[in-house]
N, C-alpha and C. Protein backbone atom coordinates (compact mmCIF):
# COMPACT_ATOMS: atom_id res chain seq x y z
N MET A 1 16.65 18.35 -30.53
CA MET A 1 16.84 17.90 -29.18
C MET A 1 15.98 16.66 -28.95
N ARG A 2 16.55 15.67 -28.30
CA ARG A 2 15.82 14.44 -27.99
C ARG A 2 14.98 14.64 -26.74
N SER A 3 13.85 13.94 -26.66
CA SER A 3 12.99 14.08 -25.49
C SER A 3 13.71 13.68 -24.22
N GLU A 4 14.64 12.72 -24.31
CA GLU A 4 15.39 12.29 -23.13
C GLU A 4 16.25 13.43 -22.59
N ASP A 5 16.68 14.32 -23.46
CA ASP A 5 17.53 15.43 -23.04
C ASP A 5 16.79 16.44 -22.18
N ILE A 6 15.49 16.51 -22.33
CA ILE A 6 14.70 17.46 -21.55
C ILE A 6 13.81 16.77 -20.53
N GLY A 7 13.92 15.45 -20.41
CA GLY A 7 13.20 14.72 -19.39
C GLY A 7 11.72 14.52 -19.65
N ILE A 8 11.31 14.59 -20.88
CA ILE A 8 9.91 14.40 -21.23
C ILE A 8 9.79 13.16 -22.11
N PRO A 9 8.92 12.23 -21.71
CA PRO A 9 8.74 11.02 -22.51
C PRO A 9 8.30 11.34 -23.94
N PRO A 10 8.79 10.60 -24.92
CA PRO A 10 8.48 10.89 -26.33
C PRO A 10 6.99 10.96 -26.64
N HIS A 11 6.18 10.11 -26.01
CA HIS A 11 4.75 10.13 -26.33
C HIS A 11 4.09 11.45 -25.93
N LEU A 12 4.61 12.11 -24.91
CA LEU A 12 4.03 13.40 -24.53
C LEU A 12 4.36 14.50 -25.53
N LEU A 13 5.46 14.35 -26.24
CA LEU A 13 5.83 15.36 -27.23
C LEU A 13 4.89 15.36 -28.43
N ARG A 14 4.02 14.37 -28.52
CA ARG A 14 3.03 14.32 -29.60
C ARG A 14 1.76 15.10 -29.26
N LEU A 15 1.62 15.53 -28.03
CA LEU A 15 0.40 16.24 -27.62
C LEU A 15 0.13 17.50 -28.44
N PRO A 16 1.13 18.31 -28.79
CA PRO A 16 0.83 19.47 -29.62
C PRO A 16 0.19 19.12 -30.97
N ASP A 17 0.45 17.91 -31.46
CA ASP A 17 -0.16 17.49 -32.73
C ASP A 17 -1.67 17.40 -32.64
N ILE A 18 -2.21 17.24 -31.43
CA ILE A 18 -3.66 17.17 -31.26
C ILE A 18 -4.20 18.39 -30.51
N GLY A 19 -3.40 19.45 -30.47
CA GLY A 19 -3.86 20.72 -29.92
C GLY A 19 -3.66 20.89 -28.42
N ILE A 20 -2.88 20.02 -27.78
CA ILE A 20 -2.63 20.13 -26.35
C ILE A 20 -1.27 20.82 -26.14
N THR A 21 -1.25 21.83 -25.26
CA THR A 21 -0.02 22.51 -24.92
C THR A 21 0.62 21.82 -23.73
N LEU A 22 1.87 21.46 -23.85
CA LEU A 22 2.61 20.77 -22.80
C LEU A 22 3.41 21.78 -22.00
N ILE A 23 3.25 21.74 -20.68
CA ILE A 23 3.94 22.67 -19.80
C ILE A 23 4.75 21.88 -18.78
N SER A 24 6.01 22.25 -18.61
CA SER A 24 6.89 21.62 -17.63
C SER A 24 7.62 22.72 -16.87
N PRO A 25 7.02 23.20 -15.77
CA PRO A 25 7.62 24.33 -15.06
C PRO A 25 8.86 23.95 -14.25
N ASP A 26 9.74 24.93 -14.05
CA ASP A 26 10.89 24.76 -13.18
C ASP A 26 10.49 25.06 -11.75
N TYR A 27 11.25 24.52 -10.83
CA TYR A 27 11.03 24.78 -9.41
C TYR A 27 12.36 24.58 -8.68
N ARG A 28 12.43 25.18 -7.51
CA ARG A 28 13.64 25.00 -6.70
C ARG A 28 13.74 23.54 -6.26
N LEU A 29 14.94 23.05 -6.12
CA LEU A 29 15.17 21.65 -5.81
C LEU A 29 15.67 21.45 -4.39
N ALA A 30 15.34 20.28 -3.84
CA ALA A 30 15.90 19.85 -2.56
C ALA A 30 17.32 19.36 -2.83
N PRO A 31 18.21 19.39 -1.93
CA PRO A 31 18.05 19.83 -0.54
C PRO A 31 18.26 21.33 -0.34
N GLN A 32 18.55 22.08 -1.39
CA GLN A 32 18.76 23.53 -1.22
C GLN A 32 17.47 24.23 -0.81
N ALA A 33 16.34 23.71 -1.23
CA ALA A 33 15.05 24.31 -0.89
C ALA A 33 14.22 23.31 -0.08
N ASP A 34 13.44 23.82 0.85
CA ASP A 34 12.57 22.93 1.62
C ASP A 34 11.28 22.67 0.84
N ILE A 35 10.50 21.72 1.33
CA ILE A 35 9.28 21.32 0.61
C ILE A 35 8.31 22.49 0.44
N TYR A 36 8.28 23.40 1.40
CA TYR A 36 7.35 24.54 1.30
C TYR A 36 7.74 25.47 0.16
N SER A 37 9.03 25.67 -0.05
CA SER A 37 9.49 26.49 -1.18
C SER A 37 9.20 25.82 -2.50
N ILE A 38 9.40 24.52 -2.54
CA ILE A 38 9.12 23.76 -3.77
C ILE A 38 7.64 23.83 -4.11
N LEU A 39 6.78 23.63 -3.11
CA LEU A 39 5.33 23.70 -3.35
C LEU A 39 4.89 25.11 -3.73
N GLU A 40 5.54 26.11 -3.16
CA GLU A 40 5.24 27.50 -3.52
C GLU A 40 5.55 27.73 -5.01
N ASP A 41 6.68 27.22 -5.47
CA ASP A 41 7.03 27.34 -6.89
C ASP A 41 5.99 26.64 -7.76
N ALA A 42 5.59 25.44 -7.36
CA ALA A 42 4.61 24.68 -8.14
C ALA A 42 3.27 25.43 -8.17
N ASN A 43 2.85 25.95 -7.04
CA ASN A 43 1.59 26.70 -6.99
C ASN A 43 1.66 27.97 -7.82
N SER A 44 2.81 28.64 -7.80
CA SER A 44 2.98 29.85 -8.63
C SER A 44 2.89 29.52 -10.11
N ALA A 45 3.47 28.40 -10.50
CA ALA A 45 3.41 27.98 -11.90
C ALA A 45 1.97 27.69 -12.32
N VAL A 46 1.23 26.99 -11.48
CA VAL A 46 -0.17 26.68 -11.79
C VAL A 46 -0.99 27.96 -11.86
N GLU A 47 -0.76 28.87 -10.94
CA GLU A 47 -1.49 30.14 -10.95
C GLU A 47 -1.18 30.94 -12.22
N PHE A 48 0.07 30.96 -12.64
CA PHE A 48 0.44 31.63 -13.87
C PHE A 48 -0.29 31.02 -15.06
N VAL A 49 -0.31 29.71 -15.10
CA VAL A 49 -0.99 29.02 -16.20
C VAL A 49 -2.47 29.39 -16.22
N ARG A 50 -3.09 29.38 -15.06
CA ARG A 50 -4.53 29.67 -14.99
C ARG A 50 -4.87 31.11 -15.33
N THR A 51 -4.02 32.05 -14.94
CA THR A 51 -4.39 33.46 -15.07
C THR A 51 -3.75 34.19 -16.25
N ASP A 52 -2.53 33.85 -16.60
CA ASP A 52 -1.80 34.66 -17.56
C ASP A 52 -1.48 33.99 -18.89
N LEU A 53 -1.45 32.69 -18.92
CA LEU A 53 -0.99 32.00 -20.12
C LEU A 53 -1.86 32.30 -21.33
N GLN A 54 -3.17 32.26 -21.17
CA GLN A 54 -4.05 32.53 -22.30
C GLN A 54 -3.87 33.96 -22.80
N ARG A 55 -3.79 34.90 -21.87
CA ARG A 55 -3.65 36.30 -22.25
C ARG A 55 -2.32 36.57 -22.94
N LEU A 56 -1.24 36.01 -22.43
CA LEU A 56 0.08 36.30 -22.96
C LEU A 56 0.42 35.52 -24.23
N LEU A 57 -0.01 34.27 -24.29
CA LEU A 57 0.41 33.41 -25.40
C LEU A 57 -0.74 32.87 -26.25
N ASN A 58 -1.96 33.31 -25.96
CA ASN A 58 -3.14 32.86 -26.70
C ASN A 58 -3.25 31.33 -26.70
N ILE A 59 -3.09 30.74 -25.52
CA ILE A 59 -3.18 29.29 -25.36
C ILE A 59 -4.48 28.97 -24.64
N ASP A 60 -5.19 27.99 -25.12
CA ASP A 60 -6.45 27.57 -24.52
C ASP A 60 -6.17 26.84 -23.21
N PRO A 61 -6.60 27.40 -22.06
CA PRO A 61 -6.30 26.77 -20.78
C PRO A 61 -7.01 25.43 -20.57
N SER A 62 -8.01 25.14 -21.37
CA SER A 62 -8.69 23.84 -21.24
C SER A 62 -7.95 22.74 -21.99
N LYS A 63 -6.88 23.11 -22.70
CA LYS A 63 -6.11 22.13 -23.46
C LYS A 63 -4.65 22.16 -23.05
N LEU A 64 -4.43 21.91 -21.76
CA LEU A 64 -3.07 21.94 -21.20
C LEU A 64 -2.74 20.58 -20.59
N ALA A 65 -1.48 20.22 -20.66
CA ALA A 65 -0.96 19.06 -19.95
C ALA A 65 0.24 19.52 -19.16
N LEU A 66 0.25 19.26 -17.87
CA LEU A 66 1.34 19.63 -16.99
C LEU A 66 2.16 18.38 -16.74
N THR A 67 3.47 18.47 -16.96
CA THR A 67 4.33 17.30 -16.81
C THR A 67 5.61 17.69 -16.11
N GLY A 68 6.36 16.69 -15.75
CA GLY A 68 7.66 16.91 -15.15
C GLY A 68 8.32 15.58 -14.85
N GLY A 69 9.64 15.59 -14.84
CA GLY A 69 10.36 14.38 -14.52
C GLY A 69 10.51 14.24 -13.01
N SER A 70 10.57 13.02 -12.54
CA SER A 70 10.79 12.73 -11.13
C SER A 70 9.74 13.44 -10.28
N ALA A 71 10.16 14.28 -9.36
CA ALA A 71 9.21 14.98 -8.48
C ALA A 71 8.33 15.94 -9.25
N GLY A 72 8.79 16.43 -10.40
CA GLY A 72 7.99 17.35 -11.19
C GLY A 72 6.66 16.76 -11.61
N GLY A 73 6.62 15.48 -11.88
CA GLY A 73 5.35 14.82 -12.20
C GLY A 73 4.41 14.81 -11.03
N TRP A 74 4.96 14.58 -9.84
CA TRP A 74 4.13 14.60 -8.64
C TRP A 74 3.63 16.01 -8.35
N LEU A 75 4.49 17.00 -8.52
CA LEU A 75 4.10 18.38 -8.25
C LEU A 75 3.01 18.85 -9.20
N GLY A 76 2.95 18.27 -10.38
CA GLY A 76 1.94 18.66 -11.35
C GLY A 76 0.55 18.14 -11.05
N THR A 77 0.45 17.21 -10.12
CA THR A 77 -0.88 16.64 -9.82
C THR A 77 -1.62 17.41 -8.79
């Protein structure tokens, strides 16, 4: 699969080579969802990463990169 197909710039796909886990969570989209629902999804994703990711997948939470295309990049900040 090409990085363009999943909306992630090619340079970010190199992060695992240096031990960084790349995360791109899904969220509800406008106009079907309002901004509060979208932010709730983003907050839930961040909370999952902080609390469960290490336990479930043995991933170091200090070596994460959160990304997303379009609004997803903004939501990750």
